[in-house]
Protein backbone atom coordinates (compact mmCIF):
# COMPACT_ATOMS: atom_id res chain seq x y z
CA UNK A 1 108.49 35.51 273.25
CA UNK A 2 110.64 37.81 270.91
CA UNK A 3 113.44 36.24 269.13
CA UNK A 4 116.38 36.36 271.33
CA UNK A 5 118.70 37.29 268.19
CA UNK A 6 116.69 40.42 267.40
CA UNK A 7 116.98 42.49 270.29
CA UNK A 8 115.54 46.25 270.26
CA UNK A 9 119.59 47.26 270.76
CA UNK A 10 120.68 44.68 268.08
CA UNK A 11 117.82 45.97 265.78
CA UNK A 12 118.41 49.52 266.41
CA UNK A 13 122.15 48.94 265.67
CA UNK A 14 121.40 47.13 262.32
CA UNK A 15 119.27 49.80 261.08
CA UNK A 16 121.74 52.70 261.58
CA UNK A 17 124.09 50.08 259.59
CA UNK A 18 121.68 50.13 256.83
CA UNK A 19 121.05 53.54 256.63
CA UNK A 20 124.75 54.04 256.49
CA UNK A 21 125.05 52.01 253.59
CA UNK A 22 122.13 53.68 251.77
CA UNK A 23 124.09 57.07 252.05
CA UNK A 24 127.06 55.55 251.09
CA UNK A 25 126.45 53.00 248.19
CA UNK A 26 123.41 55.27 246.52
CA UNK A 27 121.64 52.30 245.42
CA UNK A 28 119.96 52.20 241.93
CA UNK A 29 116.36 51.69 242.52
CA UNK A 30 113.96 51.09 239.79
CA UNK A 31 110.64 52.09 240.36
CA UNK A 32 107.53 50.84 238.12
CA UNK A 33 105.18 53.12 240.15
CA UNK A 34 102.06 55.27 239.56
CA UNK A 35 101.57 58.56 238.00
CA UNK A 36 100.61 59.99 241.22
CA UNK A 37 103.52 58.82 243.22
CA UNK A 38 106.32 59.28 240.28
CA UNK A 39 107.57 62.89 241.51
CA UNK A 40 107.31 62.25 245.31
CA UNK A 41 109.08 58.92 245.06
CA UNK A 42 112.16 60.07 242.92
CA UNK A 43 112.60 62.74 245.52
CA UNK A 44 112.09 61.40 248.31
CA UNK A 45 114.75 58.41 247.08
CA UNK A 46 117.22 61.20 246.14
CA UNK A 47 116.94 63.13 249.28
CA UNK A 48 117.35 59.77 251.41
CA UNK A 49 120.50 58.76 249.43
CA UNK A 50 119.14 56.48 246.60
CA UNK A 51 119.35 56.75 243.17
CA UNK A 52 115.78 56.45 241.42
CA UNK A 53 115.12 55.21 238.13
CA UNK A 54 111.40 55.52 236.79
CA UNK A 55 111.79 52.71 233.89
CA UNK A 56 108.53 50.73 233.36
CA UNK A 57 108.29 49.86 229.68
CA UNK A 58 108.65 46.32 228.99
CA UNK A 59 111.12 46.95 226.10
CA UNK A 60 113.37 48.26 228.95
CA UNK A 61 112.16 47.30 232.42
CA UNK A 62 113.74 44.17 232.15
CA UNK A 63 117.18 45.10 231.13
CA UNK A 64 117.54 48.06 233.60
CA UNK A 65 116.42 45.69 236.49
CA UNK A 66 119.35 43.64 235.49
CA UNK A 67 121.59 46.73 236.81
CA UNK A 68 119.36 47.71 239.75
CA UNK A 69 119.99 47.22 242.91
CA UNK A 70 116.60 46.84 243.74
CA UNK A 71 113.30 47.14 241.96
CA UNK A 72 110.13 48.37 243.11
CA UNK A 73 106.64 47.31 241.67
CA UNK A 74 103.54 49.74 242.44
CA UNK A 75 99.98 48.53 240.99
CA UNK A 76 98.86 51.98 241.42
CA UNK A 77 97.71 52.87 237.89
CA UNK A 78 97.39 49.67 235.98
CA UNK A 79 97.27 48.88 232.28
CA UNK A 80 98.25 45.94 230.54
CA UNK A 81 101.73 47.41 228.94
CA UNK A 82 102.75 48.46 232.54
CA UNK A 83 101.95 44.90 234.07
CA UNK A 84 104.24 43.68 231.09
CA UNK A 85 107.04 45.79 232.40
CA UNK A 86 106.20 44.99 235.73
CA UNK A 87 106.43 41.19 235.11
CA UNK A 88 109.45 41.74 233.16
CA UNK A 89 111.33 43.82 235.92
CA UNK A 90 110.49 41.36 238.53
CA UNK A 91 111.64 38.32 236.84
CA UNK A 92 115.12 39.82 236.06
CA UNK A 93 115.17 40.74 239.61
CA UNK A 94 114.62 36.96 240.84
CA UNK A 95 117.05 35.77 238.08
CA UNK A 96 119.67 38.19 239.42
CA UNK A 97 119.16 37.60 242.99
CA UNK A 98 118.08 41.47 243.64
CA UNK A 99 115.45 42.07 245.85
CA UNK A 100 112.07 43.63 244.57
CA UNK A 101 109.23 45.15 246.33
CA UNK A 102 105.44 44.99 245.31
CA UNK A 103 103.08 47.55 246.42
CA UNK A 104 99.49 46.38 245.88
CA UNK A 105 97.66 49.50 245.84
CA UNK A 106 93.93 49.27 246.27
CA UNK A 107 94.44 45.48 245.81
CA UNK A 108 90.88 44.68 246.97
CA UNK A 109 89.12 47.24 244.59
CA UNK A 110 88.90 45.40 241.50
CA UNK A 111 89.33 41.93 239.71
CA UNK A 112 91.89 43.23 237.88
CA UNK A 113 94.31 44.36 240.58
CA UNK A 114 93.60 40.98 242.38
CA UNK A 115 94.45 38.89 239.33
CA UNK A 116 97.39 40.87 238.89
CA UNK A 117 98.68 41.07 242.47
CA UNK A 118 98.13 37.49 242.67
CA UNK A 119 100.45 36.81 239.51
CA UNK A 120 102.97 39.14 240.78
CA UNK A 121 103.21 37.50 244.50
CA UNK A 122 103.96 34.46 242.13
CA UNK A 123 107.14 36.02 241.04
CA UNK A 124 108.42 36.02 244.77
CA UNK A 125 109.09 39.51 245.89
CA UNK A 126 111.23 40.10 248.39
CA UNK A 127 108.91 42.58 250.27
CA UNK A 128 105.12 43.32 250.05
CA UNK A 129 104.45 46.82 251.60
CA UNK A 130 100.62 47.79 251.68
CA UNK A 131 98.00 49.69 254.21
CA UNK A 132 96.28 47.57 256.63
CA UNK A 133 93.22 46.62 254.40
CA UNK A 134 95.63 45.69 251.36
CA UNK A 135 97.20 43.53 253.62
CA UNK A 136 94.35 41.65 254.86
CA UNK A 137 92.73 41.45 251.28
CA UNK A 138 96.13 39.64 250.07
CA UNK A 139 95.86 37.16 253.23
CA UNK A 140 92.33 36.89 252.37
CA UNK A 141 90.77 38.33 254.98
CA UNK A 142 88.41 40.72 253.80
CA UNK A 143 87.80 43.07 250.71
CA UNK A 144 90.52 45.48 250.97
CA UNK A 145 89.42 49.24 251.86
CA UNK A 146 87.93 52.13 250.24
CA UNK A 147 89.64 52.53 247.14
CA UNK A 148 93.50 53.30 248.05
CA UNK A 149 92.39 54.30 251.40
CA UNK A 150 92.70 51.66 254.25
CA UNK A 151 89.78 51.22 256.78
CA UNK A 152 91.41 49.46 259.32
CA UNK A 153 94.40 50.25 261.73
CA UNK A 154 98.01 48.58 261.12
CA UNK A 155 98.06 46.90 264.41
CA UNK A 156 94.73 45.03 263.74
CA UNK A 157 95.96 43.03 260.86
CA UNK A 158 99.67 41.88 262.47
CA UNK A 159 97.94 38.40 261.85
CA UNK A 160 97.15 38.67 258.48
CA UNK A 161 100.40 40.08 257.78
CA UNK A 162 102.19 36.92 259.26
CA UNK A 163 99.97 34.62 257.42
CA UNK A 164 100.76 36.63 254.18
CA UNK A 165 104.82 36.55 254.86
CA UNK A 166 104.70 32.83 255.57
CA UNK A 167 102.54 31.82 252.26
CA UNK A 168 104.59 34.20 250.14
CA UNK A 169 107.78 33.91 251.52
CA UNK A 170 108.22 37.73 251.31
CA UNK A 171 108.78 40.30 254.44
CA UNK A 172 105.12 42.12 254.81
CA UNK A 173 105.32 45.69 255.81
CA UNK A 174 101.69 47.19 257.24
CA UNK A 175 102.22 50.88 257.24
CA UNK A 176 99.94 53.00 259.35
CA UNK A 177 100.44 55.13 262.86
CA UNK A 178 102.16 51.78 264.04
CA UNK A 179 104.14 50.41 261.29
CA UNK A 180 104.36 46.51 261.22
CA UNK A 181 107.32 44.57 259.69
CA UNK A 182 107.34 41.00 259.87
CA UNK A 183 108.75 37.92 258.04
CA UNK A 184 106.56 35.08 259.50
CA UNK A 185 108.64 34.34 262.32
CA UNK A 186 109.73 37.93 263.68
CA UNK A 187 107.59 40.90 264.08
CA UNK A 188 108.85 44.63 264.49
CA UNK A 189 106.45 47.34 265.56
CA UNK A 190 107.41 50.93 264.93
CA UNK A 191 105.30 53.69 266.12
CA UNK A 192 106.71 57.51 265.47
CA UNK A 193 106.61 59.87 262.51
CA UNK A 194 103.88 62.61 262.07
CA UNK A 195 100.22 62.22 262.44
CA UNK A 196 99.41 64.38 259.22
CA UNK A 197 102.02 61.99 257.09
CA UNK A 198 98.93 59.98 255.70
CA UNK A 199 97.73 63.36 254.20
CA UNK A 200 100.62 63.93 251.85
CA UNK A 201 99.44 62.11 248.54
CA UNK A 202 101.75 59.20 247.94
CA UNK A 203 104.13 58.95 250.82
CA UNK A 204 102.84 55.24 251.17
CA UNK A 205 103.84 54.41 247.39
CA UNK A 206 106.95 56.44 248.08
CA UNK A 207 107.93 54.46 251.41
CA UNK A 208 107.73 51.25 249.22
CA UNK A 209 110.31 53.13 247.01
CA UNK A 210 112.30 53.62 249.94
CA UNK A 211 111.80 49.98 251.28
CA UNK A 212 113.25 48.84 248.12
CA UNK A 213 116.37 51.12 248.53
CA UNK A 214 117.20 49.99 251.99
CA UNK A 215 116.44 46.33 250.93
CA UNK A 216 119.22 46.67 248.00
CA UNK A 217 121.89 47.46 250.63
CA UNK A 218 120.69 45.17 253.62
CA UNK A 219 121.60 41.37 254.32
CA UNK A 220 118.21 40.67 255.59
CA UNK A 221 115.10 42.23 254.10
CA UNK A 222 113.26 42.45 257.30
CA UNK A 223 115.87 44.96 258.86
CA UNK A 224 116.02 46.53 255.23
CA UNK A 225 112.40 47.05 255.63
CA UNK A 226 112.30 48.52 259.07
CA UNK A 227 115.42 50.77 258.59
CA UNK A 228 113.35 52.34 255.70
CA UNK A 229 110.45 52.93 257.83
CA UNK A 230 112.49 53.97 260.65
CA UNK A 231 114.19 56.53 258.28
CA UNK A 232 110.73 57.79 257.49
CA UNK A 233 109.77 58.22 260.76
CA UNK A 234 112.77 60.00 262.25
CA UNK A 235 112.44 62.45 259.23
CA UNK A 236 108.37 62.72 259.64
CA UNK A 237 108.80 63.62 263.22
CA UNK A 238 111.48 66.36 262.63
CA UNK A 239 109.43 67.74 259.61
CA UNK A 240 106.46 67.93 261.67
CA UNK A 241 107.91 70.53 263.94
CA UNK A 242 108.54 72.95 261.22
CA UNK A 243 105.39 72.33 259.14
CA UNK A 244 102.17 74.05 259.25
CA UNK A 245 99.98 71.68 257.22
CA UNK A 246 100.63 68.42 254.83
CA UNK A 247 101.92 70.63 251.99
CA UNK A 248 104.97 72.17 253.91
CA UNK A 249 105.36 68.90 255.78
CA UNK A 250 106.08 67.32 252.42
CA UNK A 251 108.64 69.38 251.82
CA UNK A 252 110.16 69.65 255.21
CA UNK A 253 110.21 65.86 254.95
CA UNK A 254 112.23 65.86 252.19
CA UNK A 255 114.84 68.52 253.73
CA UNK A 256 114.73 66.45 256.49
CA UNK A 257 115.65 63.16 254.69
CA UNK A 258 118.58 64.99 252.79
CA UNK A 259 119.70 66.32 256.24
CA UNK A 260 119.56 62.91 258.30
CA UNK A 261 123.15 62.03 258.34
CA UNK A 262 123.17 59.31 260.33
CA UNK A 263 120.98 57.04 262.90
CA UNK A 264 122.91 57.08 265.76
CA UNK A 265 121.26 56.06 269.25
CA UNK A 266 120.97 59.75 269.93
CA UNK A 267 119.13 60.52 266.83
CA UNK A 268 116.72 57.02 267.60
CA UNK A 269 115.98 58.07 271.07
CA UNK A 270 115.33 62.02 270.22
CA UNK A 271 113.01 61.70 267.27
CA UNK A 272 113.08 57.90 266.44
CA UNK A 273 110.14 55.54 266.52
CA UNK A 274 109.13 53.59 269.95
CA UNK A 275 110.03 50.02 268.97
CA UNK A 276 108.74 46.53 269.94
CA UNK A 277 110.19 43.37 268.92
CA UNK A 278 108.39 39.85 269.13
CA UNK A 279 108.14 36.63 268.09
CA UNK A 280 105.25 36.13 265.20
CA UNK A 281 103.28 33.66 267.85
CA UNK A 282 103.56 36.06 270.97
């Protein structure tokens, strides 16, 4: 049974409110992210209306986190100095009551990634965003994909996402053809965007950055995460109509994010994802 307080209409209205706040407040979003995703994440945040700060060194990461509206930690290109910066930023975010997002890239691939992710989850992320294999690996359900690539569909790991949300206290986002967003009690399923979006390298990592920005202006992290994935789906669908392939899709996606002034009901009807809301035990 779906949570009566979170009907589809109510969710759509709250998503639109978060998007309006994103455009109005331009939240400072600190991204400790990997080398592959830095450029796209920064450009995507700017286009969507946020203000990116790509600061990861331990000597300033914690200090910057004290100024940021949200912190995003992505373990894509790990090294001990980067982990120290991640730890410092996450600790300050928790101390200051700021949301922070963990993107556990390829967490099942190596022991170092598993240990780092476990340590960071111990710092109580507000949101965990990954692909289906990464989320299943964190939930203890399997080895976790093939490198950074998922080997499972997002809708196949809803139970794993719910279990991880309950054990970690975080909202969990599973990105895929259908995005899954859950806090362990509520589950939101969003199906939309463009089928070629997975061919744009680092778009998943950049979506984690957008989740952070939206969490920074939302009063409910589940709504913030759902808003981020909806914004991306709407812009992706519009970009897909203009794109010849993944290269032009990337450029058009940034253009459409910048042009997306509002997520009013008409915009969601025309370009928004199909939305399903239910209780976690449904």
